[in-house]
Amino acid sequence: MQKEKPKQLNPLLPGYAFDVFLVSGMTPIAQDSTLDFIIDRPRGMKGFIVNLTIKGKGQVFQGDKAFTVEPGDLLLFPPAAVHHYGRAADAPVWFHRWVYFRPRAYWADWLKWPRVVDNVGRLNLADSQLFDEFDGLFRAIEETNQQLRPMSEQLAMNLLERLLIRCYEASSLAEYPTIDHRVLQACQILSESLAAEISVEVLAQQVFLSPSRLAHLFREQVGVGIVRWREDQRIIRAKLLLQTTPMSVAAIGQQVGYDDQLYFSRVFKKRVGVSPSEYRKCATPL
């Protein structure tokens, strides 16, 4: 019988699954070091990554699309955006802080940056005071998420929300594309009825769009498809209920739209990495 390969637990090294809703860190790349390699993900990732260069210089993409980032440069990689970056050849180091996350429903407006290269958002922090503030927020997100507290992930998400709002403020608000009000309405309908099985056809009818047009707009403006987005919100809600209530796993599954407990547990484990029961044990203080 073939042994199962051990799970890669270091997000800085190849093979880490990123099967979480938030993970953050700082990548210190020095020339010829262990971390001095090109990140190459042609199909991108399932979640978003926001990235702040704090030292040295990195290069993103190749050929005509290539650009460099230096201290104070922020990047936002949405789901499925191509990842191809590493230390710039003419720089001895590239240190950057980053947060990988699955967003909350109402963050959509803040995740559409006005300056984009091949789907990757770019933003430059204009002065040292702003840089220090953002550097501190990245640090706080990482430190909070690593704390052994039942609500550490939720608190880290709150700090991330502040970071994204500050990104929104740091750029000209007039430059931000507006999310279609029908897409926002669809998100609201789904959020208010997480346990209901609302088809794309019915949802489209409620927001006065054809199913194909709604599906196209939703993926274009939110970054993921409707079914995937709803599943994200269901799992986020289930994690909160597991952390904060004594409800049974079956009852929580039903509350977020899964009448079959085994199916709920299977979906939860696929998305979170552990079963609902295991997650509850890990999230409960000793």
C-alpha atoms as a PDB file:
ATOM      1  CA  MET A   1       0.000   0.000   0.000  1.00  0.00           C
ATOM      2  CA  GLN A   2       1.412   3.355  -1.031  1.00  0.00           C
ATOM      3  CA  LYS A   3       2.016   5.749   1.823  1.00  0.00           C
ATOM      4  CA  GLU A   4       0.279   9.103   1.675  1.00  0.00           C
ATOM      5  CA  LYS A   5       2.721  11.960   1.110  1.00  0.00           C
ATOM      6  CA  PRO A   6       3.154  14.178   4.170  1.00  0.00           C
ATOM      7  CA  LYS A   7       1.291  17.469   3.937  1.00  0.00           C
ATOM      8  CA  GLN A   8       3.416  20.548   3.231  1.00  0.00           C
ATOM      9  CA  LEU A   9       2.855  22.877   6.205  1.00  0.00           C
ATOM     10  CA  ASN A  10       5.105  25.777   5.187  1.00  0.00           C
ATOM     11  CA  PRO A  11       3.270  28.250   2.903  1.00  0.00           C
ATOM     12  CA  LEU A  12       6.614  29.634   1.680  1.00  0.00           C
ATOM     13  CA  LEU A  13       7.583  26.349   0.013  1.00  0.00           C
ATOM     14  CA  PRO A  14       6.142  24.551  -3.046  1.00  0.00           C
ATOM     15  CA  GLY A  15       3.379  22.072  -2.308  1.00  0.00           C
ATOM     16  CA  TYR A  16       1.458  24.048   0.315  1.00  0.00           C
ATOM     17  CA  ALA A  17      -2.237  23.517  -0.464  1.00  0.00           C
ATOM     18  CA  PHE A  18      -3.647  26.912   0.592  1.00  0.00           C
ATOM     19  CA  ASP A  19      -6.814  25.049   1.647  1.00  0.00           C
ATOM     20  CA  VAL A  20      -7.607  27.726   4.235  1.00  0.00           C
ATOM     21  CA  PHE A  21      -9.650  30.914   4.351  1.00  0.00           C
ATOM     22  CA  LEU A  22      -6.791  33.117   5.552  1.00  0.00           C
ATOM     23  CA  VAL A  23      -3.053  32.632   5.839  1.00  0.00           C
ATOM     24  CA  SER A  24      -0.373  35.314   5.909  1.00  0.00           C
ATOM     25  CA  GLY A  25       3.354  35.731   6.215  1.00  0.00           C
ATOM     26  CA  MET A  26       6.521  37.454   5.066  1.00  0.00           C
ATOM     27  CA  THR A  27       8.731  35.986   2.344  1.00  0.00           C
ATOM     28  CA  PRO A  28      12.415  37.016   2.724  1.00  0.00           C
ATOM     29  CA  ILE A  29      14.088  36.170  -0.588  1.00  0.00           C
ATOM     30  CA  ALA A  30      17.857  36.582  -0.828  1.00  0.00           C
ATOM     31  CA  GLN A  31      19.916  35.713  -3.887  1.00  0.00           C
ATOM     32  CA  ASP A  32      20.746  31.960  -4.043  1.00  0.00           C
ATOM     33  CA  SER A  33      18.754  31.213  -0.883  1.00  0.00           C
ATOM     34  CA  THR A  34      16.201  28.400  -0.469  1.00  0.00           C
ATOM     35  CA  LEU A  35      13.375  30.784  -1.331  1.00  0.00           C
ATOM     36  CA  ASP A  36      15.085  32.216  -4.423  1.00  0.00           C
ATOM     37  CA  PHE A  37      12.862  30.645  -7.076  1.00  0.00           C
ATOM     38  CA  ILE A  38      10.105  31.780  -9.427  1.00  0.00           C
ATOM     39  CA  ILE A  39       6.509  31.336  -8.277  1.00  0.00           C
ATOM     40  CA  ASP A  40       4.705  29.998 -11.343  1.00  0.00           C
ATOM     41  CA  ARG A  41       0.996  29.254 -11.095  1.00  0.00           C
ATOM     42  CA  PRO A  42      -0.456  29.482 -14.635  1.00  0.00           C
ATOM     43  CA  ARG A  43      -3.990  28.887 -13.352  1.00  0.00           C
ATOM     44  CA  GLY A  44      -3.658  31.143 -10.335  1.00  0.00           C
ATOM     45  CA  MET A  45      -5.288  30.222  -7.034  1.00  0.00           C
ATOM     46  CA  LYS A  46      -8.772  29.783  -5.594  1.00  0.00           C
ATOM     47  CA  GLY A  47      -8.516  32.843  -3.348  1.00  0.00           C
ATOM     48  CA  PHE A  48      -7.005  36.326  -3.418  1.00  0.00           C
ATOM     49  CA  ILE A  49      -3.470  37.361  -2.453  1.00  0.00           C
ATOM     50  CA  VAL A  50      -2.553  40.910  -1.461  1.00  0.00           C
ATOM     51  CA  ASN A  51       1.191  41.553  -1.427  1.00  0.00           C
ATOM     52  CA  LEU A  52       3.352  44.448  -0.114  1.00  0.00           C
ATOM     53  CA  THR A  53       7.030  44.818  -1.026  1.00  0.00           C
ATOM     54  CA  ILE A  54       9.004  45.997   2.019  1.00  0.00           C
ATOM     55  CA  LYS A  55      12.617  45.582   0.848  1.00  0.00           C
ATOM     56  CA  GLY A  56      14.545  45.054  -2.368  1.00  0.00           C
ATOM     57  CA  LYS A  57      12.878  44.489  -5.722  1.00  0.00           C
ATOM     58  CA  GLY A  58      10.719  41.818  -7.333  1.00  0.00           C
ATOM     59  CA  GLN A  59       9.681  41.124 -10.906  1.00  0.00           C
ATOM     60  CA  VAL A  60       6.163  40.136 -11.970  1.00  0.00           C
ATOM     61  CA  PHE A  61       5.525  38.419 -15.324  1.00  0.00           C
ATOM     62  CA  GLN A  62       7.832  38.193 -18.345  1.00  0.00           C
ATOM     63  CA  GLY A  63       8.134  39.842 -21.745  1.00  0.00           C
ATOM     64  CA  ASP A  64       5.934  42.822 -22.618  1.00  0.00           C
ATOM     65  CA  LYS A  65       3.815  42.457 -19.456  1.00  0.00           C
ATOM     66  CA  ALA A  66       6.785  42.370 -17.057  1.00  0.00           C
ATOM     67  CA  PHE A  67       7.043  45.010 -14.348  1.00  0.00           C
ATOM     68  CA  THR A  68       9.037  45.450 -11.142  1.00  0.00           C
ATOM     69  CA  VAL A  69       7.904  46.206  -7.602  1.00  0.00           C
ATOM     70  CA  GLU A  70       9.837  48.063  -4.902  1.00  0.00           C
ATOM     71  CA  PRO A  71       9.130  49.070  -1.271  1.00  0.00           C
ATOM     72  CA  GLY A  72       5.663  50.593  -1.028  1.00  0.00           C
ATOM     73  CA  ASP A  73       4.229  48.701  -4.007  1.00  0.00           C
ATOM     74  CA  LEU A  74       1.071  46.682  -3.385  1.00  0.00           C
ATOM     75  CA  LEU A  75      -0.257  43.890  -5.600  1.00  0.00           C
ATOM     76  CA  LEU A  76      -3.636  42.146  -5.609  1.00  0.00           C
ATOM     77  CA  PHE A  77      -3.922  38.758  -7.332  1.00  0.00           C
ATOM     78  CA  PRO A  78      -7.587  37.747  -7.753  1.00  0.00           C
ATOM     79  CA  PRO A  79      -8.695  34.107  -8.206  1.00  0.00           C
ATOM     80  CA  ALA A  80      -7.431  32.506 -11.418  1.00  0.00           C
ATOM     81  CA  ALA A  81      -5.034  35.390 -12.208  1.00  0.00           C
ATOM     82  CA  VAL A  82      -1.675  34.103 -13.436  1.00  0.00           C
ATOM     83  CA  HIS A  83       1.062  34.070 -10.776  1.00  0.00           C
ATOM     84  CA  HIS A  84       4.578  34.475 -12.160  1.00  0.00           C
ATOM     85  CA  TYR A  85       6.972  36.406  -9.955  1.00  0.00           C
ATOM     86  CA  GLY A  86      10.270  36.293  -8.091  1.00  0.00           C
ATOM     87  CA  ARG A  87      13.298  38.348  -7.103  1.00  0.00           C
ATOM     88  CA  ALA A  88      14.352  40.834  -9.777  1.00  0.00           C
ATOM     89  CA  ALA A  89      17.634  39.759 -11.390  1.00  0.00           C
ATOM     90  CA  ASP A  90      19.346  43.073 -10.590  1.00  0.00           C
ATOM     91  CA  ALA A  91      18.388  43.056  -6.886  1.00  0.00           C
ATOM     92  CA  PRO A  92      20.124  41.025  -4.130  1.00  0.00           C
ATOM     93  CA  VAL A  93      16.887  40.636  -2.112  1.00  0.00           C
ATOM     94  CA  TRP A  94      13.106  40.839  -2.312  1.00  0.00           C
ATOM     95  CA  PHE A  95      11.145  40.868   0.947  1.00  0.00           C
ATOM     96  CA  HIS A  96       7.382  41.004   0.728  1.00  0.00           C
ATOM     97  CA  ARG A  97       4.474  40.586   3.122  1.00  0.00           C
ATOM     98  CA  TRP A  98       1.343  38.839   1.893  1.00  0.00           C
ATOM     99  CA  VAL A  99      -2.128  37.654   2.882  1.00  0.00           C
ATOM    100  CA  TYR A 100      -3.998  34.862   1.105  1.00  0.00           C
ATOM    101  CA  PHE A 101      -7.747  34.975   1.756  1.00  0.00           C
ATOM    102  CA  ARG A 102     -11.275  34.075   0.710  1.00  0.00           C
ATOM    103  CA  PRO A 103     -13.235  37.334   0.916  1.00  0.00           C
ATOM    104  CA  ARG A 104     -16.373  38.198   2.805  1.00  0.00           C
ATOM    105  CA  ALA A 105     -19.433  38.799   0.635  1.00  0.00           C
ATOM    106  CA  TYR A 106     -19.530  42.580   0.876  1.00  0.00           C
ATOM    107  CA  TRP A 107     -15.852  43.164   0.022  1.00  0.00           C
ATOM    108  CA  ALA A 108     -16.475  43.020  -3.734  1.00  0.00           C
ATOM    109  CA  ASP A 109     -16.150  46.783  -4.314  1.00  0.00           C
ATOM    110  CA  TRP A 110     -12.798  46.923  -2.520  1.00  0.00           C
ATOM    111  CA  LEU A 111     -11.326  44.078  -4.574  1.00  0.00           C
ATOM    112  CA  LYS A 112     -11.586  45.830  -7.933  1.00  0.00           C
ATOM    113  CA  TRP A 113      -8.445  47.953  -8.112  1.00  0.00           C
ATOM    114  CA  PRO A 114      -8.419  50.576 -10.887  1.00  0.00           C
ATOM    115  CA  ARG A 115      -4.839  49.969 -12.061  1.00  0.00           C
ATOM    116  CA  VAL A 116      -4.501  46.442 -13.453  1.00  0.00           C
ATOM    117  CA  VAL A 117      -1.905  44.509 -15.459  1.00  0.00           C
ATOM    118  CA  ASP A 118      -3.141  41.144 -16.771  1.00  0.00           C
ATOM    119  CA  ASN A 119      -5.776  40.974 -13.980  1.00  0.00           C
ATOM    120  CA  VAL A 120      -3.247  41.840 -11.236  1.00  0.00           C
ATOM    121  CA  GLY A 121      -4.084  45.009  -9.306  1.00  0.00           C
ATOM    122  CA  ARG A 122      -1.315  47.524  -8.582  1.00  0.00           C
ATOM    123  CA  LEU A 123      -1.147  50.329  -6.036  1.00  0.00           C
ATOM    124  CA  ASN A 124       1.733  52.470  -4.804  1.00  0.00           C
ATOM    125  CA  LEU A 125       1.834  53.903  -1.287  1.00  0.00           C
ATOM    126  CA  ALA A 126       2.705  57.551  -1.753  1.00  0.00           C
ATOM    127  CA  ASP A 127       4.689  58.279   1.418  1.00  0.00           C
ATOM    128  CA  SER A 128       6.584  56.708   4.311  1.00  0.00           C
ATOM    129  CA  GLN A 129       3.794  57.304   6.813  1.00  0.00           C
ATOM    130  CA  LEU A 130       1.357  55.360   4.641  1.00  0.00           C
ATOM    131  CA  PHE A 131       3.927  52.609   4.128  1.00  0.00           C
ATOM    132  CA  ASP A 132       4.448  52.263   7.892  1.00  0.00           C
ATOM    133  CA  GLU A 133       0.687  52.038   8.441  1.00  0.00           C
ATOM    134  CA  PHE A 134       0.241  49.288   5.849  1.00  0.00           C
ATOM    135  CA  ASP A 135       3.325  47.410   7.040  1.00  0.00           C
ATOM    136  CA  GLY A 136       1.839  47.475  10.550  1.00  0.00           C
ATOM    137  CA  LEU A 137      -1.512  46.150   9.292  1.00  0.00           C
ATOM    138  CA  PHE A 138       0.161  43.228   7.503  1.00  0.00           C
ATOM    139  CA  ARG A 139       2.112  42.433  10.682  1.00  0.00           C
ATOM    140  CA  ALA A 140      -1.021  42.625  12.821  1.00  0.00           C
ATOM    141  CA  ILE A 141      -2.946  40.291  10.488  1.00  0.00           C
ATOM    142  CA  GLU A 142      -0.185  37.679  10.657  1.00  0.00           C
ATOM    143  CA  GLU A 143       0.273  37.922  14.428  1.00  0.00           C
ATOM    144  CA  THR A 144      -3.461  37.827  15.145  1.00  0.00           C
ATOM    145  CA  ASN A 145      -4.120  34.860  12.869  1.00  0.00           C
ATOM    146  CA  GLN A 146      -1.387  32.844  14.593  1.00  0.00           C
ATOM    147  CA  GLN A 147      -2.819  33.327  18.073  1.00  0.00           C
ATOM    148  CA  LEU A 148      -4.394  30.278  19.715  1.00  0.00           C
ATOM    149  CA  ARG A 149      -7.782  31.891  20.292  1.00  0.00           C
ATOM    150  CA  PRO A 150     -11.227  30.719  19.125  1.00  0.00           C
ATOM    151  CA  MET A 151     -11.831  33.933  17.163  1.00  0.00           C
ATOM    152  CA  SER A 152      -8.297  34.659  15.943  1.00  0.00           C
ATOM    153  CA  GLU A 153      -9.201  34.081  12.289  1.00  0.00           C
ATOM    154  CA  GLN A 154     -12.241  36.354  12.541  1.00  0.00           C
ATOM    155  CA  LEU A 155     -10.165  39.090  14.180  1.00  0.00           C
ATOM    156  CA  ALA A 156      -7.519  38.725  11.460  1.00  0.00           C
ATOM    157  CA  MET A 157     -10.269  39.016   8.842  1.00  0.00           C
ATOM    158  CA  ASN A 158     -11.409  42.255  10.483  1.00  0.00           C
ATOM    159  CA  LEU A 159      -7.882  43.641  10.224  1.00  0.00           C
ATOM    160  CA  LEU A 160      -7.736  42.518   6.592  1.00  0.00           C
ATOM    161  CA  GLU A 161     -11.017  44.322   5.970  1.00  0.00           C
ATOM    162  CA  ARG A 162      -9.433  47.495   7.315  1.00  0.00           C
ATOM    163  CA  LEU A 163      -6.421  46.955   5.055  1.00  0.00           C
ATOM    164  CA  LEU A 164      -8.628  46.611   1.980  1.00  0.00           C
ATOM    165  CA  ILE A 165     -10.643  49.700   2.899  1.00  0.00           C
ATOM    166  CA  ARG A 166      -7.412  51.672   3.301  1.00  0.00           C
ATOM    167  CA  CYS A 167      -6.314  50.431  -0.135  1.00  0.00           C
ATOM    168  CA  TYR A 168      -9.611  51.740  -1.465  1.00  0.00           C
ATOM    169  CA  GLU A 169      -9.002  55.109   0.202  1.00  0.00           C
ATOM    170  CA  ALA A 170      -5.346  55.293  -0.857  1.00  0.00           C
ATOM    171  CA  SER A 171      -6.312  55.217  -4.519  1.00  0.00           C
ATOM    172  CA  SER A 172      -8.601  57.745  -6.201  1.00  0.00           C
ATOM    173  CA  LEU A 173     -12.155  56.629  -5.458  1.00  0.00           C
ATOM    174  CA  ALA A 174     -13.292  57.960  -8.810  1.00  0.00           C
ATOM    175  CA  GLU A 175     -11.047  55.469 -10.576  1.00  0.00           C
ATOM    176  CA  TYR A 176     -12.690  52.415  -9.033  1.00  0.00           C
ATOM    177  CA  PRO A 177     -15.095  50.561 -11.301  1.00  0.00           C
ATOM    178  CA  THR A 178     -18.579  50.262  -9.814  1.00  0.00           C
ATOM    179  CA  ILE A 179     -19.940  46.783  -9.134  1.00  0.00           C
ATOM    180  CA  ASP A 180     -23.180  46.286 -11.055  1.00  0.00           C
ATOM    181  CA  HIS A 181     -26.105  46.779  -8.647  1.00  0.00           C
ATOM    182  CA  ARG A 182     -27.704  43.579  -9.944  1.00  0.00           C
ATOM    183  CA  VAL A 183     -24.623  41.570  -8.952  1.00  0.00           C
ATOM    184  CA  LEU A 184     -24.705  43.143  -5.490  1.00  0.00           C
ATOM    185  CA  GLN A 185     -28.414  42.338  -5.259  1.00  0.00           C
ATOM    186  CA  ALA A 186     -27.701  38.718  -6.211  1.00  0.00           C
ATOM    187  CA  CYS A 187     -25.059  38.518  -3.449  1.00  0.00           C
ATOM    188  CA  GLN A 188     -27.555  39.912  -0.952  1.00  0.00           C
ATOM    189  CA  ILE A 189     -30.257  37.424  -1.958  1.00  0.00           C
ATOM    190  CA  LEU A 190     -27.847  34.499  -1.614  1.00  0.00           C
ATOM    191  CA  SER A 191     -26.452  35.779   1.702  1.00  0.00           C
ATOM    192  CA  GLU A 192     -29.926  36.164   3.198  1.00  0.00           C
ATOM    193  CA  SER A 193     -30.944  32.647   2.091  1.00  0.00           C
ATOM    194  CA  LEU A 194     -27.793  30.555   2.508  1.00  0.00           C
ATOM    195  CA  ALA A 195     -29.769  27.403   3.318  1.00  0.00           C
ATOM    196  CA  ALA A 196     -31.993  27.709   0.245  1.00  0.00           C
ATOM    197  CA  GLU A 197     -31.176  26.062  -3.070  1.00  0.00           C
ATOM    198  CA  ILE A 198     -31.735  29.040  -5.351  1.00  0.00           C
ATOM    199  CA  SER A 199     -30.958  28.173  -8.951  1.00  0.00           C
ATOM    200  CA  VAL A 200     -29.076  30.543 -11.224  1.00  0.00           C
ATOM    201  CA  GLU A 201     -32.226  30.815 -13.340  1.00  0.00           C
ATOM    202  CA  VAL A 202     -34.387  31.896 -10.385  1.00  0.00           C
ATOM    203  CA  LEU A 203     -31.679  34.256  -9.111  1.00  0.00           C
ATOM    204  CA  ALA A 204     -31.332  35.826 -12.555  1.00  0.00           C
ATOM    205  CA  GLN A 205     -35.086  36.333 -12.747  1.00  0.00           C
ATOM    206  CA  GLN A 206     -35.062  38.185  -9.400  1.00  0.00           C
ATOM    207  CA  VAL A 207     -32.385  40.631 -10.583  1.00  0.00           C
ATOM    208  CA  PHE A 208     -33.859  41.029 -14.078  1.00  0.00           C
ATOM    209  CA  LEU A 209     -31.009  39.450 -16.048  1.00  0.00           C
ATOM    210  CA  SER A 210     -30.711  36.373 -18.202  1.00  0.00           C
ATOM    211  CA  PRO A 211     -28.945  33.435 -16.465  1.00  0.00           C
ATOM    212  CA  SER A 212     -25.983  33.626 -18.844  1.00  0.00           C
ATOM    213  CA  ARG A 213     -25.588  37.399 -18.406  1.00  0.00           C
ATOM    214  CA  LEU A 214     -25.768  37.150 -14.608  1.00  0.00           C
ATOM    215  CA  ALA A 215     -23.231  34.311 -14.564  1.00  0.00           C
ATOM    216  CA  HIS A 216     -20.857  36.321 -16.787  1.00  0.00           C
ATOM    217  CA  LEU A 217     -21.194  39.550 -14.780  1.00  0.00           C
ATOM    218  CA  PHE A 218     -20.860  37.739 -11.456  1.00  0.00           C
ATOM    219  CA  ARG A 219     -17.640  35.950 -12.411  1.00  0.00           C
ATOM    220  CA  GLU A 220     -16.214  39.081 -14.038  1.00  0.00           C
ATOM    221  CA  GLN A 221     -16.929  41.390 -11.099  1.00  0.00           C
ATOM    222  CA  VAL A 222     -16.718  39.081  -8.050  1.00  0.00           C
ATOM    223  CA  GLY A 223     -13.893  36.857  -9.293  1.00  0.00           C
ATOM    224  CA  VAL A 224     -15.578  33.465  -8.882  1.00  0.00           C
ATOM    225  CA  GLY A 225     -18.734  31.769 -10.124  1.00  0.00           C
ATOM    226  CA  ILE A 226     -22.076  31.989  -8.328  1.00  0.00           C
ATOM    227  CA  VAL A 227     -22.073  28.403  -7.015  1.00  0.00           C
ATOM    228  CA  ARG A 228     -18.493  28.676  -5.745  1.00  0.00           C
ATOM    229  CA  TRP A 229     -19.203  32.019  -4.080  1.00  0.00           C
ATOM    230  CA  ARG A 230     -22.267  30.656  -2.289  1.00  0.00           C
ATOM    231  CA  GLU A 231     -20.277  27.653  -1.082  1.00  0.00           C
ATOM    232  CA  ASP A 232     -17.601  30.010   0.280  1.00  0.00           C
ATOM    233  CA  GLN A 233     -20.232  31.935   2.244  1.00  0.00           C
ATOM    234  CA  ARG A 234     -21.770  28.717   3.565  1.00  0.00           C
ATOM    235  CA  ILE A 235     -18.434  27.442   4.831  1.00  0.00           C
ATOM    236  CA  ILE A 236     -17.580  30.810   6.404  1.00  0.00           C
ATOM    237  CA  ARG A 237     -20.935  30.747   8.231  1.00  0.00           C
ATOM    238  CA  ALA A 238     -20.468  27.117   9.303  1.00  0.00           C
ATOM    239  CA  LYS A 239     -17.017  27.871  10.740  1.00  0.00           C
ATOM    240  CA  LEU A 240     -18.436  30.730  12.802  1.00  0.00           C
ATOM    241  CA  LEU A 241     -21.269  28.529  14.144  1.00  0.00           C
ATOM    242  CA  LEU A 242     -18.818  25.759  15.022  1.00  0.00           C
ATOM    243  CA  GLN A 243     -16.689  28.267  16.928  1.00  0.00           C
ATOM    244  CA  THR A 244     -19.427  30.104  18.769  1.00  0.00           C
ATOM    245  CA  THR A 245     -22.397  27.764  19.333  1.00  0.00           C
ATOM    246  CA  PRO A 246     -23.039  24.289  20.817  1.00  0.00           C
ATOM    247  CA  MET A 247     -25.181  23.324  17.812  1.00  0.00           C
ATOM    248  CA  SER A 248     -24.595  19.821  16.439  1.00  0.00           C
ATOM    249  CA  VAL A 249     -22.683  19.382  13.194  1.00  0.00           C
ATOM    250  CA  ALA A 250     -25.873  18.130  11.531  1.00  0.00           C
ATOM    251  CA  ALA A 251     -27.851  21.192  12.654  1.00  0.00           C
ATOM    252  CA  ILE A 252     -25.138  23.560  11.453  1.00  0.00           C
ATOM    253  CA  GLY A 253     -25.035  21.776   8.112  1.00  0.00           C
ATOM    254  CA  GLN A 254     -28.791  22.201   7.723  1.00  0.00           C
ATOM    255  CA  GLN A 255     -28.611  25.882   8.675  1.00  0.00           C
ATOM    256  CA  VAL A 256     -26.134  26.582   5.881  1.00  0.00           C
ATOM    257  CA  GLY A 257     -27.849  24.484   3.230  1.00  0.00           C
ATOM    258  CA  TYR A 258     -26.633  20.879   3.622  1.00  0.00           C
ATOM    259  CA  ASP A 259     -29.376  18.466   4.742  1.00  0.00           C
ATOM    260  CA  ASP A 260     -27.029  15.484   4.388  1.00  0.00           C
ATOM    261  CA  GLN A 261     -24.514  15.595   7.274  1.00  0.00           C
ATOM    262  CA  LEU A 262     -22.024  13.306   5.483  1.00  0.00           C
ATOM    263  CA  TYR A 263     -22.074  15.508   2.392  1.00  0.00           C
ATOM    264  CA  PHE A 264     -21.660  18.638   4.539  1.00  0.00           C
ATOM    265  CA  SER A 265     -18.676  17.089   6.318  1.00  0.00           C
ATOM    266  CA  ARG A 266     -17.138  16.071   3.004  1.00  0.00           C
ATOM    267  CA  VAL A 267     -17.514  19.569   1.506  1.00  0.00           C
ATOM    268  CA  PHE A 268     -16.259  21.209   4.711  1.00  0.00           C
ATOM    269  CA  LYS A 269     -13.161  18.996   4.878  1.00  0.00           C
ATOM    270  CA  LYS A 270     -12.398  19.595   1.207  1.00  0.00           C
ATOM    271  CA  ARG A 271     -12.569  23.358   1.697  1.00  0.00           C
ATOM    272  CA  VAL A 272     -11.071  23.742   5.187  1.00  0.00           C
ATOM    273  CA  GLY A 273      -8.727  20.745   5.406  1.00  0.00           C
ATOM    274  CA  VAL A 274     -10.317  19.136   8.489  1.00  0.00           C
ATOM    275  CA  SER A 275     -13.771  17.793   9.351  1.00  0.00           C
ATOM    276  CA  PRO A 276     -16.307  20.023  11.150  1.00  0.00           C
ATOM    277  CA  SER A 277     -15.759  18.106  14.403  1.00  0.00           C
ATOM    278  CA  GLU A 278     -11.996  18.426  14.140  1.00  0.00           C
ATOM    279  CA  TYR A 279     -12.301  22.122  13.328  1.00  0.00           C
ATOM    280  CA  ARG A 280     -14.484  22.659  16.400  1.00  0.00           C
ATOM    281  CA  LYS A 281     -11.918  20.940  18.638  1.00  0.00           C
ATOM    282  CA  CYS A 282      -9.064  23.043  17.221  1.00  0.00           C
ATOM    283  CA  ALA A 283     -11.092  26.256  17.559  1.00  0.00           C
ATOM    284  CA  THR A 284     -12.095  25.613  21.184  1.00  0.00           C
ATOM    285  CA  PRO A 285      -9.658  26.760  23.893  1.00  0.00           C
ATOM    286  CA  LEU A 286      -8.361  24.101  26.276  1.00  0.00           C
END
